[in-house]
Amino acid sequence: MSKISEYLKLVGKAIAELPEDKIQDMVDTLKAAHAQGRQVFLLGNGGSAATASHVAEDLQKGVKECTGKRFKVMALTDATPLICAWANDSGYDCIFAEQIDSFAEPGDVVIAISGSGNSPNVIKAVEKANAMGAITIGWSGFDGGKLARVAQKSIVVPSDNMQRIEDVHLVLGHLLMTCLVS
């Protein structure tokens, strides 16, 4: 089997093994947030930061274009000066928790993305969001890490390869968009 065939087979296997009931619960949570005018915040590091930004764009712009009703969605990864200020003054592990503290309200939704599930700044943000009464959703891989335990709702990609985990996270984002506008 070629490297290409093997990679595609393993990504397909990870997608096929995703828990449909947990995905439906996530879709239902976001549909309720949209209907209630709640905010949705996405966050992550590295490739997960790019995914957070991409999914936020799809949910904010795409949902409004398809439904006519705006969706209050923001990627906390996109405020570079703010991230740098918090990192410089409070430490990198606070960059998302401080933004959650400033923006989130009870009932808002926080989607935290971490391939390993162990990024300290992601965990701290989820813990802050939980304490504030937000609904927290974690997307991770490997064994789920700490994120799978602290997030109220969790989807763990069944893979031990970071690239495949990140691929599936982006598929989850596109799946959300599809379900929210259908």
C-alpha atoms as a PDB file:
ATOM      1  CA  MET A   1       0.000   0.000   0.000  1.00  0.00           C
ATOM      2  CA  SER A   2       1.359   3.433  -0.909  1.00  0.00           C
ATOM      3  CA  LYS A   3       1.840   6.182   1.703  1.00  0.00           C
ATOM      4  CA  ILE A   4      -0.966   8.108   0.007  1.00  0.00           C
ATOM      5  CA  SER A   5      -3.427   5.213   0.129  1.00  0.00           C
ATOM      6  CA  GLU A   6      -2.480   4.402   3.718  1.00  0.00           C
ATOM      7  CA  TYR A   7      -2.937   8.010   4.891  1.00  0.00           C
ATOM      8  CA  LEU A   8      -6.310   8.379   3.178  1.00  0.00           C
ATOM      9  CA  LYS A   9      -7.454   5.018   4.541  1.00  0.00           C
ATOM     10  CA  LEU A  10      -6.518   6.002   8.104  1.00  0.00           C
ATOM     11  CA  VAL A  11      -8.241   9.424   7.873  1.00  0.00           C
ATOM     12  CA  GLY A  12     -11.353   7.700   6.528  1.00  0.00           C
ATOM     13  CA  LYS A  13     -11.221   5.168   9.368  1.00  0.00           C
ATOM     14  CA  ALA A  14     -10.979   7.942  11.988  1.00  0.00           C
ATOM     15  CA  ILE A  15     -13.945   9.746  10.436  1.00  0.00           C
ATOM     16  CA  ALA A  16     -16.009   6.539  10.261  1.00  0.00           C
ATOM     17  CA  GLU A  17     -15.378   5.848  13.958  1.00  0.00           C
ATOM     18  CA  LEU A  18     -16.589   9.248  15.194  1.00  0.00           C
ATOM     19  CA  PRO A  19     -19.492   8.980  17.669  1.00  0.00           C
ATOM     20  CA  GLU A  20     -22.583  10.139  15.786  1.00  0.00           C
ATOM     21  CA  ASP A  21     -24.582  10.663  18.979  1.00  0.00           C
ATOM     22  CA  LYS A  22     -21.967  13.077  20.358  1.00  0.00           C
ATOM     23  CA  ILE A  23     -21.805  14.937  17.066  1.00  0.00           C
ATOM     24  CA  GLN A  24     -25.612  15.256  17.044  1.00  0.00           C
ATOM     25  CA  ASP A  25     -25.506  16.573  20.617  1.00  0.00           C
ATOM     26  CA  MET A  26     -22.947  19.180  19.530  1.00  0.00           C
ATOM     27  CA  VAL A  27     -25.141  20.164  16.553  1.00  0.00           C
ATOM     28  CA  ASP A  28     -28.193  20.452  18.834  1.00  0.00           C
ATOM     29  CA  THR A  29     -26.193  22.584  21.289  1.00  0.00           C
ATOM     30  CA  LEU A  30     -25.156  24.966  18.521  1.00  0.00           C
ATOM     31  CA  LYS A  31     -28.656  25.108  17.031  1.00  0.00           C
ATOM     32  CA  ALA A  32     -29.995  26.110  20.452  1.00  0.00           C
ATOM     33  CA  ALA A  33     -27.226  28.716  20.866  1.00  0.00           C
ATOM     34  CA  HIS A  34     -28.066  30.173  17.461  1.00  0.00           C
ATOM     35  CA  ALA A  35     -31.797  30.273  18.197  1.00  0.00           C
ATOM     36  CA  GLN A  36     -31.166  31.955  21.565  1.00  0.00           C
ATOM     37  CA  GLY A  37     -28.682  34.518  20.208  1.00  0.00           C
ATOM     38  CA  ARG A  38     -25.845  33.069  22.289  1.00  0.00           C
ATOM     39  CA  GLN A  39     -22.181  33.572  21.486  1.00  0.00           C
ATOM     40  CA  VAL A  40     -19.827  30.816  20.370  1.00  0.00           C
ATOM     41  CA  PHE A  41     -16.084  31.053  21.026  1.00  0.00           C
ATOM     42  CA  LEU A  42     -13.466  28.822  19.413  1.00  0.00           C
ATOM     43  CA  LEU A  43      -9.848  28.413  20.461  1.00  0.00           C
ATOM     44  CA  GLY A  44      -6.768  26.271  19.971  1.00  0.00           C
ATOM     45  CA  ASN A  45      -3.029  26.394  19.261  1.00  0.00           C
ATOM     46  CA  GLY A  46      -1.075  25.885  16.033  1.00  0.00           C
ATOM     47  CA  GLY A  47      -3.095  23.874  13.523  1.00  0.00           C
ATOM     48  CA  SER A  48      -5.979  23.888  15.977  1.00  0.00           C
ATOM     49  CA  ALA A  49      -5.867  27.708  16.003  1.00  0.00           C
ATOM     50  CA  ALA A  50      -6.208  27.677  12.228  1.00  0.00           C
ATOM     51  CA  THR A  51      -9.133  25.265  12.521  1.00  0.00           C
ATOM     52  CA  ALA A  52     -10.769  27.475  15.161  1.00  0.00           C
ATOM     53  CA  SER A  53     -10.488  30.478  12.866  1.00  0.00           C
ATOM     54  CA  HIS A  54     -11.786  28.557   9.849  1.00  0.00           C
ATOM     55  CA  VAL A  55     -14.775  27.099  11.714  1.00  0.00           C
ATOM     56  CA  ALA A  56     -15.635  30.513  13.206  1.00  0.00           C
ATOM     57  CA  GLU A  57     -15.715  32.013   9.713  1.00  0.00           C
ATOM     58  CA  ASP A  58     -17.927  29.216   8.403  1.00  0.00           C
ATOM     59  CA  LEU A  59     -20.344  29.461  11.315  1.00  0.00           C
ATOM     60  CA  GLN A  60     -20.574  33.248  11.412  1.00  0.00           C
ATOM     61  CA  LYS A  61     -20.712  34.080   7.718  1.00  0.00           C
ATOM     62  CA  GLY A  62     -22.007  30.819   6.300  1.00  0.00           C
ATOM     63  CA  VAL A  63     -24.873  30.337   8.723  1.00  0.00           C
ATOM     64  CA  LYS A  64     -26.103  33.903   8.229  1.00  0.00           C
ATOM     65  CA  GLU A  65     -25.916  33.615   4.458  1.00  0.00           C
ATOM     66  CA  CYS A  66     -27.906  30.382   4.491  1.00  0.00           C
ATOM     67  CA  THR A  67     -30.424  31.118   7.249  1.00  0.00           C
ATOM     68  CA  GLY A  68     -30.682  34.912   7.199  1.00  0.00           C
ATOM     69  CA  LYS A  69     -30.006  35.012  10.948  1.00  0.00           C
ATOM     70  CA  ARG A  70     -26.619  36.055  12.222  1.00  0.00           C
ATOM     71  CA  PHE A  71     -24.629  33.777  14.491  1.00  0.00           C
ATOM     72  CA  LYS A  72     -22.385  35.412  17.095  1.00  0.00           C
ATOM     73  CA  VAL A  73     -19.164  33.457  16.598  1.00  0.00           C
ATOM     74  CA  MET A  74     -15.593  34.487  17.362  1.00  0.00           C
ATOM     75  CA  ALA A  75     -12.245  32.722  17.201  1.00  0.00           C
ATOM     76  CA  LEU A  76     -10.213  33.825  20.219  1.00  0.00           C
ATOM     77  CA  THR A  77      -7.136  32.895  18.197  1.00  0.00           C
ATOM     78  CA  ASP A  78      -7.519  35.869  15.861  1.00  0.00           C
ATOM     79  CA  ALA A  79      -6.754  38.745  18.263  1.00  0.00           C
ATOM     80  CA  THR A  80      -2.954  38.698  17.935  1.00  0.00           C
ATOM     81  CA  PRO A  81      -2.206  41.938  19.849  1.00  0.00           C
ATOM     82  CA  LEU A  82      -4.510  40.865  22.689  1.00  0.00           C
ATOM     83  CA  ILE A  83      -2.960  37.391  22.791  1.00  0.00           C
ATOM     84  CA  CYS A  84       0.517  38.935  22.949  1.00  0.00           C
ATOM     85  CA  ALA A  85      -0.498  41.336  25.707  1.00  0.00           C
ATOM     86  CA  TRP A  86      -1.969  38.575  27.874  1.00  0.00           C
ATOM     87  CA  ALA A  87       0.988  36.277  27.179  1.00  0.00           C
ATOM     88  CA  ASN A  88       3.465  39.010  28.081  1.00  0.00           C
ATOM     89  CA  ASP A  89       1.720  40.194  31.247  1.00  0.00           C
ATOM     90  CA  SER A  90       0.028  37.055  32.599  1.00  0.00           C
ATOM     91  CA  GLY A  91       1.622  34.118  30.795  1.00  0.00           C
ATOM     92  CA  TYR A  92       0.765  32.143  27.692  1.00  0.00           C
ATOM     93  CA  ASP A  93      -1.470  29.789  29.644  1.00  0.00           C
ATOM     94  CA  CYS A  94      -3.898  32.700  30.266  1.00  0.00           C
ATOM     95  CA  ILE A  95      -4.381  33.953  26.680  1.00  0.00           C
ATOM     96  CA  PHE A  96      -7.772  32.308  26.157  1.00  0.00           C
ATOM     97  CA  ALA A  97      -9.073  32.241  29.744  1.00  0.00           C
ATOM     98  CA  GLU A  98      -8.717  36.022  30.019  1.00  0.00           C
ATOM     99  CA  GLN A  99     -10.682  36.503  26.787  1.00  0.00           C
ATOM    100  CA  ILE A 100     -13.372  34.093  28.023  1.00  0.00           C
ATOM    101  CA  ASP A 101     -13.525  36.110  31.252  1.00  0.00           C
ATOM    102  CA  SER A 102     -14.045  39.316  29.237  1.00  0.00           C
ATOM    103  CA  PHE A 103     -16.549  38.096  26.648  1.00  0.00           C
ATOM    104  CA  ALA A 104     -18.412  34.962  27.736  1.00  0.00           C
ATOM    105  CA  GLU A 105     -21.831  34.905  29.391  1.00  0.00           C
ATOM    106  CA  PRO A 106     -23.666  31.997  31.006  1.00  0.00           C
ATOM    107  CA  GLY A 107     -25.177  29.817  28.271  1.00  0.00           C
ATOM    108  CA  ASP A 108     -22.602  30.766  25.646  1.00  0.00           C
ATOM    109  CA  VAL A 109     -20.698  27.937  23.944  1.00  0.00           C
ATOM    110  CA  VAL A 110     -16.932  27.425  23.968  1.00  0.00           C
ATOM    111  CA  ILE A 111     -15.388  24.995  21.484  1.00  0.00           C
ATOM    112  CA  ALA A 112     -11.844  24.155  22.550  1.00  0.00           C
ATOM    113  CA  ILE A 113      -9.620  22.320  20.081  1.00  0.00           C
ATOM    114  CA  SER A 114      -6.440  20.506  21.082  1.00  0.00           C
ATOM    115  CA  GLY A 115      -4.992  17.534  19.223  1.00  0.00           C
ATOM    116  CA  SER A 116      -3.327  16.196  22.364  1.00  0.00           C
ATOM    117  CA  GLY A 117      -6.053  17.431  24.697  1.00  0.00           C
ATOM    118  CA  ASN A 118      -3.383  18.691  27.062  1.00  0.00           C
ATOM    119  CA  SER A 119      -2.635  22.292  26.049  1.00  0.00           C
ATOM    120  CA  PRO A 120      -2.522  24.267  29.326  1.00  0.00           C
ATOM    121  CA  ASN A 121      -4.035  27.435  27.823  1.00  0.00           C
ATOM    122  CA  VAL A 122      -6.929  25.457  26.330  1.00  0.00           C
ATOM    123  CA  ILE A 123      -7.591  23.611  29.593  1.00  0.00           C
ATOM    124  CA  LYS A 124      -7.490  26.856  31.591  1.00  0.00           C
ATOM    125  CA  ALA A 125      -9.993  28.468  29.184  1.00  0.00           C
ATOM    126  CA  VAL A 126     -12.399  25.530  29.481  1.00  0.00           C
ATOM    127  CA  GLU A 127     -12.155  25.592  33.255  1.00  0.00           C
ATOM    128  CA  LYS A 128     -12.887  29.349  33.250  1.00  0.00           C
ATOM    129  CA  ALA A 129     -15.833  28.871  30.868  1.00  0.00           C
ATOM    130  CA  ASN A 130     -17.237  26.074  33.040  1.00  0.00           C
ATOM    131  CA  ALA A 131     -16.975  28.288  36.130  1.00  0.00           C
ATOM    132  CA  MET A 132     -18.832  31.076  34.289  1.00  0.00           C
ATOM    133  CA  GLY A 133     -21.740  28.838  33.251  1.00  0.00           C
ATOM    134  CA  ALA A 134     -20.825  28.436  29.587  1.00  0.00           C
ATOM    135  CA  ILE A 135     -21.335  25.185  27.696  1.00  0.00           C
ATOM    136  CA  THR A 136     -17.959  23.667  26.840  1.00  0.00           C
ATOM    137  CA  ILE A 137     -17.168  21.339  23.962  1.00  0.00           C
ATOM    138  CA  GLY A 138     -13.752  19.750  23.530  1.00  0.00           C
ATOM    139  CA  TRP A 139     -12.286  18.340  20.333  1.00  0.00           C
ATOM    140  CA  SER A 140      -9.155  16.268  20.849  1.00  0.00           C
ATOM    141  CA  GLY A 141      -7.390  13.099  19.719  1.00  0.00           C
ATOM    142  CA  PHE A 142      -5.094  10.434  21.157  1.00  0.00           C
ATOM    143  CA  ASP A 143      -6.727   9.444  24.478  1.00  0.00           C
ATOM    144  CA  GLY A 144      -8.575  12.768  24.779  1.00  0.00           C
ATOM    145  CA  GLY A 145      -6.147  14.163  27.326  1.00  0.00           C
ATOM    146  CA  LYS A 146      -7.322  16.417  30.120  1.00  0.00           C
ATOM    147  CA  LEU A 147      -9.630  18.282  27.715  1.00  0.00           C
ATOM    148  CA  ALA A 148     -11.881  15.226  27.386  1.00  0.00           C
ATOM    149  CA  ARG A 149     -12.303  15.233  31.161  1.00  0.00           C
ATOM    150  CA  VAL A 150     -12.853  18.975  31.767  1.00  0.00           C
ATOM    151  CA  ALA A 151     -15.103  19.797  28.790  1.00  0.00           C
ATOM    152  CA  GLN A 152     -18.794  19.134  29.391  1.00  0.00           C
ATOM    153  CA  LYS A 153     -19.103  17.566  25.936  1.00  0.00           C
ATOM    154  CA  SER A 154     -16.201  15.906  24.182  1.00  0.00           C
ATOM    155  CA  ILE A 155     -15.343  14.389  20.838  1.00  0.00           C
ATOM    156  CA  VAL A 156     -12.100  12.422  20.735  1.00  0.00           C
ATOM    157  CA  VAL A 157     -10.792  11.583  17.269  1.00  0.00           C
ATOM    158  CA  PRO A 158      -9.745   7.920  17.368  1.00  0.00           C
ATOM    159  CA  SER A 159      -6.181   8.443  16.170  1.00  0.00           C
ATOM    160  CA  ASP A 160      -2.682   8.839  17.524  1.00  0.00           C
ATOM    161  CA  ASN A 161      -1.457  10.931  14.579  1.00  0.00           C
ATOM    162  CA  MET A 162      -1.644  14.720  14.919  1.00  0.00           C
ATOM    163  CA  GLN A 163      -2.133  15.396  11.206  1.00  0.00           C
ATOM    164  CA  ARG A 164      -5.031  12.971  10.931  1.00  0.00           C
ATOM    165  CA  ILE A 165      -6.565  14.367  14.128  1.00  0.00           C
ATOM    166  CA  GLU A 166      -6.371  17.890  12.705  1.00  0.00           C
ATOM    167  CA  ASP A 167      -7.872  16.682   9.403  1.00  0.00           C
ATOM    168  CA  VAL A 168     -10.848  15.196  11.234  1.00  0.00           C
ATOM    169  CA  HIS A 169     -11.316  18.333  13.359  1.00  0.00           C
ATOM    170  CA  LEU A 170     -11.737  20.343  10.169  1.00  0.00           C
ATOM    171  CA  VAL A 171     -14.218  17.747   8.885  1.00  0.00           C
ATOM    172  CA  LEU A 172     -16.158  18.205  12.153  1.00  0.00           C
ATOM    173  CA  GLY A 173     -16.279  21.947  11.515  1.00  0.00           C
ATOM    174  CA  HIS A 174     -17.618  21.483   8.004  1.00  0.00           C
ATOM    175  CA  LEU A 175     -20.104  18.915   9.274  1.00  0.00           C
ATOM    176  CA  LEU A 176     -21.385  21.428  11.841  1.00  0.00           C
ATOM    177  CA  MET A 177     -21.862  24.035   9.138  1.00  0.00           C
ATOM    178  CA  THR A 178     -23.734  21.542   6.950  1.00  0.00           C
ATOM    179  CA  CYS A 179     -26.054  20.468   9.779  1.00  0.00           C
ATOM    180  CA  LEU A 180     -26.760  24.024  10.945  1.00  0.00           C
ATOM    181  CA  VAL A 181     -27.904  25.236   7.536  1.00  0.00           C
ATOM    182  CA  SER A 182     -29.799  22.143   6.421  1.00  0.00           C
END
